[in-house]
Amino acid sequence: MLEAVEKNTSPGAPLWSAVLAAAGTQEALDLYRDVAESLERHVPDDDIELLAQVTAECALLRRPW
């Protein structure tokens, strides 16, 4: 379902599923990694680096438009 929602997200835009992954649990990071990879987006192999990327994406999602 997340992949269907995210497929229309512009390539340079943050994924909304980053909000779920920000929990930092292994399951949340794995889910985010699966969605991002299915959309052909690069994600770090290292969980700490991935969490940093997810945190940055969440900050972009919270910015005022």
PDB file of N, CA and C in Angstrom:
ATOM      1  N   MET A   1       0.821  -1.179   0.000  1.00  0.00           N
ATOM      2  CA  MET A   1       0.000   0.000   0.000  1.00  0.00           C
ATOM      3  C   MET A   1       0.880   1.263   0.000  1.00  0.00           C
ATOM      4  N   LEU A   2       1.954   1.249   0.812  1.00  0.00           N
ATOM      5  CA  LEU A   2       2.836   2.416   0.847  1.00  0.00           C
ATOM      6  C   LEU A   2       3.461   2.679  -0.512  1.00  0.00           C
ATOM      7  N   GLU A   3       3.835   1.625  -1.198  1.00  0.00           N
ATOM      8  CA  GLU A   3       4.427   1.791  -2.524  1.00  0.00           C
ATOM      9  C   GLU A   3       3.438   2.469  -3.470  1.00  0.00           C
ATOM     10  N   ALA A   4       2.181   2.095  -3.406  1.00  0.00           N
ATOM     11  CA  ALA A   4       1.162   2.702  -4.262  1.00  0.00           C
ATOM     12  C   ALA A   4       1.006   4.185  -3.960  1.00  0.00           C
ATOM     13  N   VAL A   5       1.071   4.541  -2.688  1.00  0.00           N
ATOM     14  CA  VAL A   5       0.953   5.947  -2.291  1.00  0.00           C
ATOM     15  C   VAL A   5       2.184   6.731  -2.733  1.00  0.00           C
ATOM     16  N   GLU A   6       3.353   6.138  -2.566  1.00  0.00           N
ATOM     17  CA  GLU A   6       4.611   6.833  -2.846  1.00  0.00           C
ATOM     18  C   GLU A   6       4.983   6.891  -4.322  1.00  0.00           C
ATOM     19  N   LYS A   7       4.374   6.082  -5.172  1.00  0.00           N
ATOM     20  CA  LYS A   7       4.811   6.010  -6.569  1.00  0.00           C
ATOM     21  C   LYS A   7       4.674   7.336  -7.317  1.00  0.00           C
ATOM     22  N   ASN A   8       3.815   8.223  -6.854  1.00  0.00           N
ATOM     23  CA  ASN A   8       3.645   9.519  -7.510  1.00  0.00           C
ATOM     24  C   ASN A   8       4.483  10.624  -6.876  1.00  0.00           C
ATOM     25  N   THR A   9       5.294  10.265  -5.883  1.00  0.00           N
ATOM     26  CA  THR A   9       6.175  11.240  -5.255  1.00  0.00           C
ATOM     27  C   THR A   9       7.320  11.555  -6.205  1.00  0.00           C
ATOM     28  N   SER A  10       7.597  12.811  -6.410  1.00  0.00           N
ATOM     29  CA  SER A  10       8.684  13.215  -7.308  1.00  0.00           C
ATOM     30  C   SER A  10       9.999  12.609  -6.839  1.00  0.00           C
ATOM     31  N   PRO A  11      10.884  12.270  -7.773  1.00  0.00           N
ATOM     32  CA  PRO A  11      12.155  11.622  -7.407  1.00  0.00           C
ATOM     33  C   PRO A  11      12.983  12.387  -6.371  1.00  0.00           C
ATOM     34  N   GLY A  12      12.967  13.691  -6.384  1.00  0.00           N
ATOM     35  CA  GLY A  12      13.758  14.460  -5.428  1.00  0.00           C
ATOM     36  C   GLY A  12      13.038  14.784  -4.135  1.00  0.00           C
ATOM     37  N   ALA A  13      11.769  14.442  -4.060  1.00  0.00           N
ATOM     38  CA  ALA A  13      10.963  14.770  -2.880  1.00  0.00           C
ATOM     39  C   ALA A  13      11.091  13.680  -1.820  1.00  0.00           C
ATOM     40  N   PRO A  14      10.969  14.061  -0.555  1.00  0.00           N
ATOM     41  CA  PRO A  14      11.035  13.049   0.504  1.00  0.00           C
ATOM     42  C   PRO A  14       9.814  12.137   0.462  1.00  0.00           C
ATOM     43  N   LEU A  15      10.018  10.909   0.893  1.00  0.00           N
ATOM     44  CA  LEU A  15       8.920   9.954   0.949  1.00  0.00           C
ATOM     45  C   LEU A  15       8.146  10.133   2.252  1.00  0.00           C
ATOM     46  N   TRP A  16       6.827  10.085   2.163  1.00  0.00           N
ATOM     47  CA  TRP A  16       6.003  10.215   3.358  1.00  0.00           C
ATOM     48  C   TRP A  16       6.199   9.036   4.301  1.00  0.00           C
ATOM     49  N   SER A  17       6.608   7.906   3.780  1.00  0.00           N
ATOM     50  CA  SER A  17       6.838   6.748   4.640  1.00  0.00           C
ATOM     51  C   SER A  17       8.022   6.961   5.580  1.00  0.00           C
ATOM     52  N   ALA A  18       8.781   8.024   5.373  1.00  0.00           N
ATOM     53  CA  ALA A  18       9.872   8.367   6.294  1.00  0.00           C
ATOM     54  C   ALA A  18       9.316   8.641   7.687  1.00  0.00           C
ATOM     55  N   VAL A  19       8.095   9.136   7.759  1.00  0.00           N
ATOM     56  CA  VAL A  19       7.474   9.416   9.056  1.00  0.00           C
ATOM     57  C   VAL A  19       7.336   8.122   9.861  1.00  0.00           C
ATOM     58  N   LEU A  20       6.980   7.043   9.196  1.00  0.00           N
ATOM     59  CA  LEU A  20       6.866   5.754   9.879  1.00  0.00           C
ATOM     60  C   LEU A  20       8.242   5.222  10.272  1.00  0.00           C
ATOM     61  N   ALA A  21       9.203   5.381   9.372  1.00  0.00           N
ATOM     62  CA  ALA A  21      10.552   4.860   9.615  1.00  0.00           C
ATOM     63  C   ALA A  21      11.270   5.620  10.712  1.00  0.00           C
ATOM     64  N   ALA A  22      10.844   6.838  10.990  1.00  0.00           N
ATOM     65  CA  ALA A  22      11.505   7.654  12.006  1.00  0.00           C
ATOM     66  C   ALA A  22      11.410   7.028  13.394  1.00  0.00           C
ATOM     67  N   ALA A  23      10.529   6.058  13.556  1.00  0.00           N
ATOM     68  CA  ALA A  23      10.443   5.347  14.837  1.00  0.00           C
ATOM     69  C   ALA A  23      11.762   4.648  15.142  1.00  0.00           C
ATOM     70  N   GLY A  24      12.504   4.304  14.091  1.00  0.00           N
ATOM     71  CA  GLY A  24      13.828   3.728  14.263  1.00  0.00           C
ATOM     72  C   GLY A  24      13.856   2.246  14.581  1.00  0.00           C
ATOM     73  N   THR A  25      12.695   1.609  14.618  1.00  0.00           N
ATOM     74  CA  THR A  25      12.696   0.169  14.865  1.00  0.00           C
ATOM     75  C   THR A  25      13.206  -0.554  13.622  1.00  0.00           C
ATOM     76  N   GLN A  26      13.695  -1.748  13.809  1.00  0.00           N
ATOM     77  CA  GLN A  26      14.213  -2.506  12.664  1.00  0.00           C
ATOM     78  C   GLN A  26      13.122  -2.746  11.629  1.00  0.00           C
ATOM     79  N   GLU A  27      11.919  -3.041  12.101  1.00  0.00           N
ATOM     80  CA  GLU A  27      10.804  -3.287  11.190  1.00  0.00           C
ATOM     81  C   GLU A  27      10.473  -2.039  10.368  1.00  0.00           C
ATOM     82  N   ALA A  28      10.481  -0.885  11.027  1.00  0.00           N
ATOM     83  CA  ALA A  28      10.171   0.369  10.333  1.00  0.00           C
ATOM     84  C   ALA A  28      11.243   0.699   9.303  1.00  0.00           C
ATOM     85  N   LEU A  29      12.503   0.510   9.664  1.00  0.00           N
ATOM     86  CA  LEU A  29      13.589   0.787   8.721  1.00  0.00           C
ATOM     87  C   LEU A  29      13.560  -0.183   7.545  1.00  0.00           C
ATOM     88  N   ASP A  30      13.273  -1.460   7.820  1.00  0.00           N
ATOM     89  CA  ASP A  30      13.185  -2.444   6.744  1.00  0.00           C
ATOM     90  C   ASP A  30      12.039  -2.120   5.790  1.00  0.00           C
ATOM     91  N   LEU A  31      10.902  -1.701   6.336  1.00  0.00           N
ATOM     92  CA  LEU A  31       9.763  -1.335   5.501  1.00  0.00           C
ATOM     93  C   LEU A  31      10.107  -0.140   4.620  1.00  0.00           C
ATOM     94  N   TYR A  32      10.729   0.874   5.219  1.00  0.00           N
ATOM     95  CA  TYR A  32      11.124   2.052   4.444  1.00  0.00           C
ATOM     96  C   TYR A  32      12.109   1.661   3.350  1.00  0.00           C
ATOM     97  N   ARG A  33      13.080   0.833   3.700  1.00  0.00           N
ATOM     98  CA  ARG A  33      14.082   0.386   2.733  1.00  0.00           C
ATOM     99  C   ARG A  33      13.409  -0.346   1.564  1.00  0.00           C
ATOM    100  N   ASP A  34      12.443  -1.219   1.869  1.00  0.00           N
ATOM    101  CA  ASP A  34      11.730  -1.952   0.821  1.00  0.00           C
ATOM    102  C   ASP A  34      10.962  -1.013  -0.104  1.00  0.00           C
ATOM    103  N   VAL A  35      10.271  -0.049   0.484  1.00  0.00           N
ATOM    104  CA  VAL A  35       9.494   0.904  -0.330  1.00  0.00           C
ATOM    105  C   VAL A  35      10.429   1.739  -1.196  1.00  0.00           C
ATOM    106  N   ALA A  36      11.485   2.274  -0.609  1.00  0.00           N
ATOM    107  CA  ALA A  36      12.425   3.119  -1.353  1.00  0.00           C
ATOM    108  C   ALA A  36      13.090   2.350  -2.488  1.00  0.00           C
ATOM    109  N   GLU A  37      13.513   1.138  -2.209  1.00  0.00           N
ATOM    110  CA  GLU A  37      14.169   0.348  -3.241  1.00  0.00           C
ATOM    111  C   GLU A  37      13.208  -0.039  -4.355  1.00  0.00           C
ATOM    112  N   SER A  38      11.947  -0.289  -4.025  1.00  0.00           N
ATOM    113  CA  SER A  38      10.964  -0.610  -5.067  1.00  0.00           C
ATOM    114  C   SER A  38      10.715   0.591  -5.977  1.00  0.00           C
ATOM    115  N   LEU A  39      10.976   1.790  -5.446  1.00  0.00           N
ATOM    116  CA  LEU A  39      10.830   3.019  -6.236  1.00  0.00           C
ATOM    117  C   LEU A  39      12.162   3.445  -6.865  1.00  0.00           C
ATOM    118  N   GLU A  40      13.156   2.556  -6.758  1.00  0.00           N
ATOM    119  CA  GLU A  40      14.485   2.774  -7.323  1.00  0.00           C
ATOM    120  C   GLU A  40      15.182   3.992  -6.739  1.00  0.00           C
ATOM    121  N   ARG A  41      15.016   4.170  -5.435  1.00  0.00           N
ATOM    122  CA  ARG A  41      15.719   5.233  -4.706  1.00  0.00           C
ATOM    123  C   ARG A  41      16.862   4.615  -3.925  1.00  0.00           C
ATOM    124  N   HIS A  42      17.944   5.336  -3.866  1.00  0.00           N
ATOM    125  CA  HIS A  42      19.098   4.848  -3.099  1.00  0.00           C
ATOM    126  C   HIS A  42      18.830   4.995  -1.612  1.00  0.00           C
ATOM    127  N   VAL A  43      19.138   3.947  -0.885  1.00  0.00           N
ATOM    128  CA  VAL A  43      19.084   4.010   0.575  1.00  0.00           C
ATOM    129  C   VAL A  43      20.369   3.383   1.114  1.00  0.00           C
ATOM    130  N   PRO A  44      20.891   3.940   2.184  1.00  0.00           N
ATOM    131  CA  PRO A  44      22.111   3.381   2.774  1.00  0.00           C
ATOM    132  C   PRO A  44      21.877   1.963   3.303  1.00  0.00           C
ATOM    133  N   ASP A  45      22.912   1.142   3.230  1.00  0.00           N
ATOM    134  CA  ASP A  45      22.839  -0.204   3.797  1.00  0.00           C
ATOM    135  C   ASP A  45      22.910  -0.172   5.323  1.00  0.00           C
ATOM    136  N   ASP A  46      23.622   0.801   5.835  1.00  0.00           N
ATOM    137  CA  ASP A  46      23.810   0.940   7.269  1.00  0.00           C
ATOM    138  C   ASP A  46      22.563   1.563   7.906  1.00  0.00           C
ATOM    139  N   ASP A  47      22.045   0.944   8.957  1.00  0.00           N
ATOM    140  CA  ASP A  47      20.824   1.440   9.600  1.00  0.00           C
ATOM    141  C   ASP A  47      20.994   2.826  10.207  1.00  0.00           C
ATOM    142  N   ILE A  48      22.156   3.122  10.750  1.00  0.00           N
ATOM    143  CA  ILE A  48      22.379   4.449  11.345  1.00  0.00           C
ATOM    144  C   ILE A  48      22.345   5.525  10.264  1.00  0.00           C
ATOM    145  N   GLU A  49      22.948   5.240   9.130  1.00  0.00           N
ATOM    146  CA  GLU A  49      22.909   6.188   8.014  1.00  0.00           C
ATOM    147  C   GLU A  49      21.498   6.315   7.463  1.00  0.00           C
ATOM    148  N   LEU A  50      20.784   5.208   7.415  1.00  0.00           N
ATOM    149  CA  LEU A  50      19.399   5.255   6.935  1.00  0.00           C
ATOM    150  C   LEU A  50      18.543   6.089   7.875  1.00  0.00           C
ATOM    151  N   LEU A  51      18.727   5.913   9.169  1.00  0.00           N
ATOM    152  CA  LEU A  51      17.953   6.698  10.134  1.00  0.00           C
ATOM    153  C   LEU A  51      18.263   8.187   9.992  1.00  0.00           C
ATOM    154  N   ALA A  52      19.506   8.526   9.704  1.00  0.00           N
ATOM    155  CA  ALA A  52      19.862   9.932   9.470  1.00  0.00           C
ATOM    156  C   ALA A  52      19.155  10.458   8.221  1.00  0.00           C
ATOM    157  N   GLN A  53      19.089   9.643   7.178  1.00  0.00           N
ATOM    158  CA  GLN A  53      18.399  10.049   5.946  1.00  0.00           C
ATOM    159  C   GLN A  53      16.913  10.238   6.210  1.00  0.00           C
ATOM    160  N   VAL A  54      16.327   9.314   6.945  1.00  0.00           N
ATOM    161  CA  VAL A  54      14.896   9.386   7.266  1.00  0.00           C
ATOM    162  C   VAL A  54      14.603  10.631   8.105  1.00  0.00           C
ATOM    163  N   THR A  55      15.470  10.919   9.057  1.00  0.00           N
ATOM    164  CA  THR A  55      15.301  12.103   9.902  1.00  0.00           C
ATOM    165  C   THR A  55      15.353  13.373   9.060  1.00  0.00           C
ATOM    166  N   ALA A  56      16.276  13.424   8.102  1.00  0.00           N
ATOM    167  CA  ALA A  56      16.375  14.583   7.212  1.00  0.00           C
ATOM    168  C   ALA A  56      15.127  14.711   6.343  1.00  0.00           C
ATOM    169  N   GLU A  57      14.607  13.577   5.862  1.00  0.00           N
ATOM    170  CA  GLU A  57      13.394  13.622   5.051  1.00  0.00           C
ATOM    171  C   GLU A  57      12.204  14.106   5.873  1.00  0.00           C
ATOM    172  N   CYS A  58      12.126  13.671   7.122  1.00  0.00           N
ATOM    173  CA  CYS A  58      11.036  14.133   7.999  1.00  0.00           C
ATOM    174  C   CYS A  58      11.111  15.640   8.205  1.00  0.00           C
ATOM    175  N   ALA A  59      12.320  16.161   8.352  1.00  0.00           N
ATOM    176  CA  ALA A  59      12.484  17.612   8.516  1.00  0.00           C
ATOM    177  C   ALA A  59      11.991  18.344   7.274  1.00  0.00           C
ATOM    178  N   LEU A  60      12.262  17.790   6.102  1.00  0.00           N
ATOM    179  CA  LEU A  60      11.777  18.409   4.864  1.00  0.00           C
ATOM    180  C   LEU A  60      10.254  18.362   4.782  1.00  0.00           C
ATOM    181  N   LEU A  61       9.676  17.280   5.256  1.00  0.00           N
ATOM    182  CA  LEU A  61       8.220  17.163   5.218  1.00  0.00           C
ATOM    183  C   LEU A  61       7.540  18.140   6.164  1.00  0.00           C
ATOM    184  N   ARG A  62       8.231  18.520   7.241  1.00  0.00           N
ATOM    185  CA  ARG A  62       7.652  19.452   8.228  1.00  0.00           C
ATOM    186  C   ARG A  62       7.892  20.909   7.876  1.00  0.00           C
ATOM    187  N   ARG A  63       8.674  21.184   6.851  1.00  0.00           N
ATOM    188  CA  ARG A  63       8.967  22.590   6.524  1.00  0.00           C
ATOM    189  C   ARG A  63       7.702  23.300   6.037  1.00  0.00           C
ATOM    190  N   PRO A  64       7.613  24.565   6.308  1.00  0.00           N
ATOM    191  CA  PRO A  64       6.439  25.313   5.831  1.00  0.00           C
ATOM    192  C   PRO A  64       6.489  25.459   4.312  1.00  0.00           C
ATOM    193  N   TRP A  65       5.368  25.330   3.721  1.00  0.00           N
ATOM    194  CA  TRP A  65       5.281  25.424   2.248  1.00  0.00           C
ATOM    195  C   TRP A  65       5.113  26.861   1.925  1.00  0.00           C
TER     196      TRP A  65
END
